[in-house]
PDB file of N, CA and C in Angstrom:
ATOM      1  N   MET A   1       5.102  10.494  -5.117  1.00  0.00           N
ATOM      2  CA  MET A   1       4.530   9.342  -4.476  1.00  0.00           C
ATOM      3  C   MET A   1       5.052   9.262  -3.048  1.00  0.00           C
ATOM      4  N   VAL A   2       4.203   8.880  -2.158  1.00  0.00           N
ATOM      5  CA  VAL A   2       4.573   8.755  -0.756  1.00  0.00           C
ATOM      6  C   VAL A   2       5.270   7.416  -0.540  1.00  0.00           C
ATOM      7  N   SER A   3       6.392   7.440   0.142  1.00  0.00           N
ATOM      8  CA  SER A   3       7.115   6.205   0.428  1.00  0.00           C
ATOM      9  C   SER A   3       6.533   5.549   1.660  1.00  0.00           C
ATOM     10  N   ARG A   4       6.290   4.268   1.548  1.00  0.00           N
ATOM     11  CA  ARG A   4       5.776   3.494   2.669  1.00  0.00           C
ATOM     12  C   ARG A   4       6.551   2.197   2.755  1.00  0.00           C
ATOM     13  N   GLN A   5       6.639   1.660   3.956  1.00  0.00           N
ATOM     14  CA  GLN A   5       7.325   0.396   4.164  1.00  0.00           C
ATOM     15  C   GLN A   5       6.306  -0.636   4.607  1.00  0.00           C
ATOM     16  N   TYR A   6       6.410  -1.838   4.056  1.00  0.00           N
ATOM     17  CA  TYR A   6       5.505  -2.926   4.377  1.00  0.00           C
ATOM     18  C   TYR A   6       6.313  -4.136   4.784  1.00  0.00           C
ATOM     19  N   ARG A   7       5.778  -4.862   5.739  1.00  0.00           N
ATOM     20  CA  ARG A   7       6.392  -6.126   6.140  1.00  0.00           C
ATOM     21  C   ARG A   7       5.570  -7.236   5.504  1.00  0.00           C
ATOM     22  N   VAL A   8       6.189  -8.020   4.651  1.00  0.00           N
ATOM     23  CA  VAL A   8       5.473  -9.057   3.921  1.00  0.00           C
ATOM     24  C   VAL A   8       6.178 -10.395   4.072  1.00  0.00           C
ATOM     25  N   SER A   9       5.396 -11.443   3.946  1.00  0.00           N
ATOM     26  CA  SER A   9       5.902 -12.809   3.900  1.00  0.00           C
ATOM     27  C   SER A   9       5.302 -13.475   2.670  1.00  0.00           C
ATOM     28  N   GLU A  10       5.784 -14.635   2.349  1.00  0.00           N
ATOM     29  CA  GLU A  10       5.273 -15.337   1.185  1.00  0.00           C
ATOM     30  C   GLU A  10       3.819 -15.734   1.412  1.00  0.00           C
ATOM     31  N   GLY A  11       2.978 -15.408   0.445  1.00  0.00           N
ATOM     32  CA  GLY A  11       1.560 -15.755   0.535  1.00  0.00           C
ATOM     33  C   GLY A  11       0.691 -14.685   1.169  1.00  0.00           C
ATOM     34  N   ASP A  12       1.280 -13.577   1.635  1.00  0.00           N
ATOM     35  CA  ASP A  12       0.499 -12.502   2.258  1.00  0.00           C
ATOM     36  C   ASP A  12      -0.244 -11.690   1.207  1.00  0.00           C
ATOM     37  N   LYS A  13      -1.414 -11.167   1.608  1.00  0.00           N
ATOM     38  CA  LYS A  13      -2.129 -10.197   0.797  1.00  0.00           C
ATOM     39  C   LYS A  13      -1.980  -8.852   1.489  1.00  0.00           C
ATOM     40  N   VAL A  14      -1.441  -7.872   0.776  1.00  0.00           N
ATOM     41  CA  VAL A  14      -1.152  -6.564   1.346  1.00  0.00           C
ATOM     42  C   VAL A  14      -1.868  -5.505   0.523  1.00  0.00           C
ATOM     43  N   LYS A  15      -2.524  -4.571   1.198  1.00  0.00           N
ATOM     44  CA  LYS A  15      -3.184  -3.465   0.512  1.00  0.00           C
ATOM     45  C   LYS A  15      -2.200  -2.307   0.427  1.00  0.00           C
ATOM     46  N   VAL A  16      -1.854  -1.929  -0.799  1.00  0.00           N
ATOM     47  CA  VAL A  16      -0.924  -0.824  -1.032  1.00  0.00           C
ATOM     48  C   VAL A  16      -1.653   0.259  -1.804  1.00  0.00           C
ATOM     49  N   ASP A  17      -1.015   1.408  -1.962  1.00  0.00           N
ATOM     50  CA  ASP A  17      -1.581   2.487  -2.753  1.00  0.00           C
ATOM     51  C   ASP A  17      -1.718   2.042  -4.202  1.00  0.00           C
ATOM     52  N   PHE A  18      -2.529   2.769  -4.950  1.00  0.00           N
ATOM     53  CA  PHE A  18      -2.843   2.400  -6.324  1.00  0.00           C
ATOM     54  C   PHE A  18      -1.588   2.338  -7.183  1.00  0.00           C
ATOM     55  N   ARG A  19      -1.467   1.280  -7.942  1.00  0.00           N
ATOM     56  CA  ARG A  19      -0.390   1.103  -8.917  1.00  0.00           C
ATOM     57  C   ARG A  19      -1.032   0.855 -10.266  1.00  0.00           C
ATOM     58  N   GLU A  20      -0.391   1.359 -11.311  1.00  0.00           N
ATOM     59  CA  GLU A  20      -0.890   1.108 -12.656  1.00  0.00           C
ATOM     60  C   GLU A  20      -0.715  -0.367 -12.984  1.00  0.00           C
ATOM     61  N   GLY A  21      -1.765  -0.997 -13.419  1.00  0.00           N
ATOM     62  CA  GLY A  21      -1.703  -2.400 -13.804  1.00  0.00           C
ATOM     63  C   GLY A  21      -3.081  -3.016 -13.723  1.00  0.00           C
ATOM     64  N   GLU A  22      -3.379  -3.850 -14.692  1.00  0.00           N
ATOM     65  CA  GLU A  22      -4.668  -4.529 -14.714  1.00  0.00           C
ATOM     66  C   GLU A  22      -4.664  -5.671 -13.698  1.00  0.00           C
ATOM     67  N   ILE A  23      -5.860  -6.132 -13.380  1.00  0.00           N
ATOM     68  CA  ILE A  23      -5.991  -7.250 -12.449  1.00  0.00           C
ATOM     69  C   ILE A  23      -5.376  -8.486 -13.093  1.00  0.00           C
ATOM     70  N   GLY A  24      -4.507  -9.150 -12.357  1.00  0.00           N
ATOM     71  CA  GLY A  24      -3.838 -10.336 -12.860  1.00  0.00           C
ATOM     72  C   GLY A  24      -2.428 -10.079 -13.362  1.00  0.00           C
ATOM     73  N   THR A  25      -2.045  -8.821 -13.544  1.00  0.00           N
ATOM     74  CA  THR A  25      -0.687  -8.543 -13.999  1.00  0.00           C
ATOM     75  C   THR A  25       0.294  -8.675 -12.847  1.00  0.00           C
ATOM     76  N   ARG A  26       1.550  -8.820 -13.189  1.00  0.00           N
ATOM     77  CA  ARG A  26       2.590  -9.037 -12.200  1.00  0.00           C
ATOM     78  C   ARG A  26       3.357  -7.745 -11.964  1.00  0.00           C
ATOM     79  N   LEU A  27       3.516  -7.366 -10.708  1.00  0.00           N
ATOM     80  CA  LEU A  27       4.299  -6.191 -10.328  1.00  0.00           C
ATOM     81  C   LEU A  27       5.575  -6.639  -9.636  1.00  0.00           C
ATOM     82  N   GLU A  28       6.591  -5.803  -9.736  1.00  0.00           N
ATOM     83  CA  GLU A  28       7.872  -6.126  -9.125  1.00  0.00           C
ATOM     84  C   GLU A  28       8.366  -4.925  -8.327  1.00  0.00           C
ATOM     85  N   PHE A  29       8.702  -5.168  -7.075  1.00  0.00           N
ATOM     86  CA  PHE A  29       9.262  -4.145  -6.198  1.00  0.00           C
ATOM     87  C   PHE A  29      10.716  -4.506  -5.950  1.00  0.00           C
ATOM     88  N   ASP A  30      11.626  -3.621  -6.344  1.00  0.00           N
ATOM     89  CA  ASP A  30      13.047  -3.950  -6.228  1.00  0.00           C
ATOM     90  C   ASP A  30      13.750  -3.229  -5.085  1.00  0.00           C
ATOM     91  N   ARG A  31      13.022  -2.418  -4.332  1.00  0.00           N
ATOM     92  CA  ARG A  31      13.645  -1.740  -3.191  1.00  0.00           C
ATOM     93  C   ARG A  31      13.343  -2.528  -1.920  1.00  0.00           C
ATOM     94  N   VAL A  32      14.181  -3.495  -1.592  1.00  0.00           N
ATOM     95  CA  VAL A  32      14.031  -4.323  -0.394  1.00  0.00           C
ATOM     96  C   VAL A  32      15.024  -3.809   0.635  1.00  0.00           C
ATOM     97  N   LEU A  33      14.501  -3.427   1.797  1.00  0.00           N
ATOM     98  CA  LEU A  33      15.358  -2.849   2.830  1.00  0.00           C
ATOM     99  C   LEU A  33      15.888  -3.879   3.813  1.00  0.00           C
ATOM    100  N   LEU A  34      15.130  -4.952   4.043  1.00  0.00           N
ATOM    101  CA  LEU A  34      15.535  -5.960   5.028  1.00  0.00           C
ATOM    102  C   LEU A  34      15.015  -7.306   4.569  1.00  0.00           C
ATOM    103  N   TYR A  35      15.821  -8.343   4.743  1.00  0.00           N
ATOM    104  CA  TYR A  35      15.408  -9.699   4.376  1.00  0.00           C
ATOM    105  C   TYR A  35      15.874 -10.653   5.455  1.00  0.00           C
ATOM    106  N   GLN A  36      14.950 -11.494   5.936  1.00  0.00           N
ATOM    107  CA  GLN A  36      15.301 -12.512   6.918  1.00  0.00           C
ATOM    108  C   GLN A  36      14.877 -13.858   6.364  1.00  0.00           C
ATOM    109  N   GLY A  37      15.831 -14.721   6.168  1.00  0.00           N
ATOM    110  CA  GLY A  37      15.564 -16.053   5.630  1.00  0.00           C
ATOM    111  C   GLY A  37      16.270 -17.098   6.471  1.00  0.00           C
ATOM    112  N   ALA A  38      16.395 -18.278   5.898  1.00  0.00           N
ATOM    113  CA  ALA A  38      17.045 -19.375   6.611  1.00  0.00           C
ATOM    114  C   ALA A  38      18.528 -19.099   6.825  1.00  0.00           C
ATOM    115  N   ASP A  39      19.126 -18.306   5.936  1.00  0.00           N
ATOM    116  CA  ASP A  39      20.554 -18.014   6.062  1.00  0.00           C
ATOM    117  C   ASP A  39      20.863 -16.858   6.996  1.00  0.00           C
ATOM    118  N   GLY A  40      19.844 -16.227   7.562  1.00  0.00           N
ATOM    119  CA  GLY A  40      20.070 -15.155   8.518  1.00  0.00           C
ATOM    120  C   GLY A  40      19.385 -13.868   8.120  1.00  0.00           C
ATOM    121  N   LEU A  41      19.842 -12.797   8.732  1.00  0.00           N
ATOM    122  CA  LEU A  41      19.244 -11.487   8.538  1.00  0.00           C
ATOM    123  C   LEU A  41      20.147 -10.630   7.653  1.00  0.00           C
ATOM    124  N   ASN A  42      19.560 -10.047   6.609  1.00  0.00           N
ATOM    125  CA  ASN A  42      20.290  -9.130   5.736  1.00  0.00           C
ATOM    126  C   ASN A  42      19.653  -7.755   5.848  1.00  0.00           C
ATOM    127  N   ILE A  43      20.460  -6.754   6.167  1.00  0.00           N
ATOM    128  CA  ILE A  43      19.993  -5.382   6.264  1.00  0.00           C
ATOM    129  C   ILE A  43      20.687  -4.583   5.168  1.00  0.00           C
ATOM    130  N   GLY A  44      19.894  -3.872   4.383  1.00  0.00           N
ATOM    131  CA  GLY A  44      20.439  -3.108   3.262  1.00  0.00           C
ATOM    132  C   GLY A  44      21.056  -1.804   3.707  1.00  0.00           C
ATOM    133  N   GLN A  45      22.003  -1.325   2.890  1.00  0.00           N
ATOM    134  CA  GLN A  45      22.660  -0.047   3.161  1.00  0.00           C
ATOM    135  C   GLN A  45      22.544   0.849   1.945  1.00  0.00           C
ATOM    136  N   PRO A  46      21.488   1.430   1.518  1.00  0.00           N
ATOM    137  CA  PRO A  46      20.141   1.437   2.061  1.00  0.00           C
ATOM    138  C   PRO A  46      19.258   0.290   1.561  1.00  0.00           C
ATOM    139  N   VAL A  47      19.573  -0.328   0.403  1.00  0.00           N
ATOM    140  CA  VAL A  47      18.755  -1.434  -0.098  1.00  0.00           C
ATOM    141  C   VAL A  47      19.635  -2.658  -0.301  1.00  0.00           C
ATOM    142  N   ILE A  48      18.993  -3.829  -0.403  1.00  0.00           N
ATOM    143  CA  ILE A  48      19.704  -5.079  -0.659  1.00  0.00           C
ATOM    144  C   ILE A  48      19.800  -5.260  -2.166  1.00  0.00           C
ATOM    145  N   GLU A  49      21.000  -5.383  -2.671  1.00  0.00           N
ATOM    146  CA  GLU A  49      21.211  -5.535  -4.113  1.00  0.00           C
ATOM    147  C   GLU A  49      20.732  -6.908  -4.568  1.00  0.00           C
ATOM    148  N   GLY A  50      19.964  -6.924  -5.644  1.00  0.00           N
ATOM    149  CA  GLY A  50      19.502  -8.183  -6.226  1.00  0.00           C
ATOM    150  C   GLY A  50      18.240  -8.742  -5.605  1.00  0.00           C
ATOM    151  N   ALA A  51      17.771  -8.180  -4.518  1.00  0.00           N
ATOM    152  CA  ALA A  51      16.543  -8.675  -3.883  1.00  0.00           C
ATOM    153  C   ALA A  51      15.338  -7.966  -4.493  1.00  0.00           C
ATOM    154  N   ARG A  52      14.230  -8.687  -4.634  1.00  0.00           N
ATOM    155  CA  ARG A  52      13.024  -8.092  -5.181  1.00  0.00           C
ATOM    156  C   ARG A  52      11.810  -8.849  -4.670  1.00  0.00           C
ATOM    157  N   ILE A  53      10.673  -8.195  -4.752  1.00  0.00           N
ATOM    158  CA  ILE A  53       9.393  -8.770  -4.368  1.00  0.00           C
ATOM    159  C   ILE A  53       8.545  -8.850  -5.636  1.00  0.00           C
ATOM    160  N   VAL A  54       8.031 -10.022  -5.952  1.00  0.00           N
ATOM    161  CA  VAL A  54       7.200 -10.218  -7.124  1.00  0.00           C
ATOM    162  C   VAL A  54       5.776 -10.477  -6.644  1.00  0.00           C
ATOM    163  N   THR A  55       4.834  -9.673  -7.157  1.00  0.00           N
ATOM    164  CA  THR A  55       3.446  -9.768  -6.693  1.00  0.00           C
ATOM    165  C   THR A  55       2.498  -9.810  -7.890  1.00  0.00           C
ATOM    166  N   ASP A  56       1.257 -10.181  -7.607  1.00  0.00           N
ATOM    167  CA  ASP A  56       0.184 -10.148  -8.590  1.00  0.00           C
ATOM    168  C   ASP A  56      -0.880  -9.183  -8.116  1.00  0.00           C
ATOM    169  N   VAL A  57      -1.468  -8.421  -9.056  1.00  0.00           N
ATOM    170  CA  VAL A  57      -2.563  -7.517  -8.721  1.00  0.00           C
ATOM    171  C   VAL A  57      -3.831  -8.354  -8.592  1.00  0.00           C
ATOM    172  N   VAL A  58      -4.453  -8.309  -7.421  1.00  0.00           N
ATOM    173  CA  VAL A  58      -5.638  -9.114  -7.159  1.00  0.00           C
ATOM    174  C   VAL A  58      -6.904  -8.306  -7.401  1.00  0.00           C
ATOM    175  N   ASP A  59      -6.924  -7.052  -6.953  1.00  0.00           N
ATOM    176  CA  ASP A  59      -8.138  -6.259  -7.027  1.00  0.00           C
ATOM    177  C   ASP A  59      -7.774  -4.785  -6.949  1.00  0.00           C
ATOM    178  N   HIS A  60      -8.671  -3.935  -7.417  1.00  0.00           N
ATOM    179  CA  HIS A  60      -8.543  -2.492  -7.269  1.00  0.00           C
ATOM    180  C   HIS A  60      -9.727  -2.011  -6.435  1.00  0.00           C
ATOM    181  N   PRO A  61      -9.704  -2.218  -5.136  1.00  0.00           N
ATOM    182  CA  PRO A  61     -10.850  -1.764  -4.340  1.00  0.00           C
ATOM    183  C   PRO A  61     -10.811  -0.253  -4.173  1.00  0.00           C
ATOM    184  N   SER A  62     -11.969   0.335  -4.101  1.00  0.00           N
ATOM    185  CA  SER A  62     -12.045   1.765  -3.835  1.00  0.00           C
ATOM    186  C   SER A  62     -13.258   2.000  -2.940  1.00  0.00           C
ATOM    187  N   THR A  63     -13.000   2.293  -1.704  1.00  0.00           N
ATOM    188  CA  THR A  63     -14.066   2.589  -0.769  1.00  0.00           C
ATOM    189  C   THR A  63     -14.127   4.087  -0.581  1.00  0.00           C
ATOM    190  N   LYS A  64     -15.312   4.598  -0.446  1.00  0.00           N
ATOM    191  CA  LYS A  64     -15.493   6.026  -0.305  1.00  0.00           C
ATOM    192  C   LYS A  64     -15.570   6.376   1.169  1.00  0.00           C
ATOM    193  N   LEU A  65     -14.843   7.396   1.548  1.00  0.00           N
ATOM    194  CA  LEU A  65     -14.809   7.879   2.916  1.00  0.00           C
ATOM    195  C   LEU A  65     -15.626   9.159   2.975  1.00  0.00           C
ATOM    196  N   TYR A  66     -16.537   9.235   3.926  1.00  0.00           N
ATOM    197  CA  TYR A  66     -17.386  10.410   4.076  1.00  0.00           C
ATOM    198  C   TYR A  66     -16.907  11.233   5.256  1.00  0.00           C
ATOM    199  N   ILE A  67     -16.763  12.532   5.038  1.00  0.00           N
ATOM    200  CA  ILE A  67     -16.359  13.474   6.075  1.00  0.00           C
ATOM    201  C   ILE A  67     -17.537  14.393   6.325  1.00  0.00           C
ATOM    202  N   GLN A  68     -18.022  14.411   7.558  1.00  0.00           N
ATOM    203  CA  GLN A  68     -19.201  15.206   7.884  1.00  0.00           C
ATOM    204  C   GLN A  68     -18.844  16.217   8.963  1.00  0.00           C
ATOM    205  N   HIS A  69     -19.161  17.484   8.699  1.00  0.00           N
ATOM    206  CA  HIS A  69     -18.989  18.560   9.670  1.00  0.00           C
ATOM    207  C   HIS A  69     -20.372  19.010  10.115  1.00  0.00           C
ATOM    208  N   PHE A  70     -20.531  19.183  11.394  1.00  0.00           N
ATOM    209  CA  PHE A  70     -21.836  19.546  11.929  1.00  0.00           C
ATOM    210  C   PHE A  70     -21.635  20.428  13.159  1.00  0.00           C
ATOM    211  N   ARG A  71     -22.338  21.557  13.185  1.00  0.00           N
ATOM    212  CA  ARG A  71     -22.326  22.416  14.371  1.00  0.00           C
ATOM    213  C   ARG A  71     -23.765  22.572  14.834  1.00  0.00           C
ATOM    214  N   ARG A  72     -24.005  22.188  16.040  1.00  0.00           N
ATOM    215  CA  ARG A  72     -25.384  22.208  16.518  1.00  0.00           C
ATOM    216  C   ARG A  72     -25.897  23.632  16.704  1.00  0.00           C
ATOM    217  N   ARG A  73     -27.158  23.792  16.423  1.00  0.00           N
ATOM    218  CA  ARG A  73     -27.896  25.046  16.584  1.00  0.00           C
ATOM    219  C   ARG A  73     -27.380  26.166  15.679  1.00  0.00           C
ATOM    220  N   LYS A  74     -26.573  25.869  14.667  1.00  0.00           N
ATOM    221  CA  LYS A  74     -26.022  26.913  13.802  1.00  0.00           C
ATOM    222  C   LYS A  74     -26.463  26.745  12.343  1.00  0.00           C
ATOM    223  N   ASN A  75     -27.277  25.751  12.071  1.00  0.00           N
ATOM    224  CA  ASN A  75     -27.710  25.444  10.714  1.00  0.00           C
ATOM    225  C   ASN A  75     -26.495  25.231   9.802  1.00  0.00           C
ATOM    226  N   TYR A  76     -25.498  24.482  10.288  1.00  0.00           N
ATOM    227  CA  TYR A  76     -24.257  24.240   9.562  1.00  0.00           C
ATOM    228  C   TYR A  76     -24.062  22.737   9.421  1.00  0.00           C
ATOM    229  N   ARG A  77     -24.168  22.251   8.206  1.00  0.00           N
ATOM    230  CA  ARG A  77     -23.919  20.843   7.911  1.00  0.00           C
ATOM    231  C   ARG A  77     -23.148  20.768   6.598  1.00  0.00           C
ATOM    232  N   ARG A  78     -22.058  20.034   6.582  1.00  0.00           N
ATOM    233  CA  ARG A  78     -21.270  19.829   5.369  1.00  0.00           C
ATOM    234  C   ARG A  78     -20.948  18.345   5.253  1.00  0.00           C
ATOM    235  N   LEU A  79     -21.151  17.807   4.085  1.00  0.00           N
ATOM    236  CA  LEU A  79     -20.841  16.407   3.819  1.00  0.00           C
ATOM    237  C   LEU A  79     -19.947  16.350   2.595  1.00  0.00           C
ATOM    238  N   ARG A  80     -18.774  15.767   2.765  1.00  0.00           N
ATOM    239  CA  ARG A  80     -17.825  15.627   1.668  1.00  0.00           C
ATOM    240  C   ARG A  80     -17.449  14.163   1.535  1.00  0.00           C
ATOM    241  N   GLY A  81     -17.172  13.774   0.322  1.00  0.00           N
ATOM    242  CA  GLY A  81     -16.733  12.418   0.064  1.00  0.00           C
ATOM    243  C   GLY A  81     -15.328  12.416  -0.499  1.00  0.00           C
ATOM    244  N   HIS A  82     -14.571  11.390  -0.157  1.00  0.00           N
ATOM    245  CA  HIS A  82     -13.211  11.258  -0.659  1.00  0.00           C
ATOM    246  C   HIS A  82     -12.980   9.795  -1.034  1.00  0.00           C
ATOM    247  N   ARG A  83     -12.466   9.585  -2.233  1.00  0.00           N
ATOM    248  CA  ARG A  83     -12.173   8.236  -2.696  1.00  0.00           C
ATOM    249  C   ARG A  83     -10.684   8.163  -3.019  1.00  0.00           C
ATOM    250  N   GLN A  84      -9.947   7.413  -2.219  1.00  0.00           N
ATOM    251  CA  GLN A  84      -8.511   7.265  -2.415  1.00  0.00           C
ATOM    252  C   GLN A  84      -8.263   6.242  -3.522  1.00  0.00           C
ATOM    253  N   PRO A  85      -7.512   6.604  -4.548  1.00  0.00           N
ATOM    254  CA  PRO A  85      -7.257   5.621  -5.629  1.00  0.00           C
ATOM    255  C   PRO A  85      -6.300   4.541  -5.157  1.00  0.00           C
TER     256      PRO A  85
END
């Protein structure tokens, strides 16, 4: 799995890579690298112990991306589709 970092706040909707889970289930991310609250800024070395992000799965969107190759005057056309889960 590719590691990615997201900046989130309470109430944000964030699009992440596909995770196993039905719509409406609760996911938990326990690798928090940085936290800024009323008490100040906490930076993990490498993660903050005891911190976690609790989220709900809202939707599983899947949009198809089309890749088209075309060379003029060569009778060369290729159309490929890719759907990222």
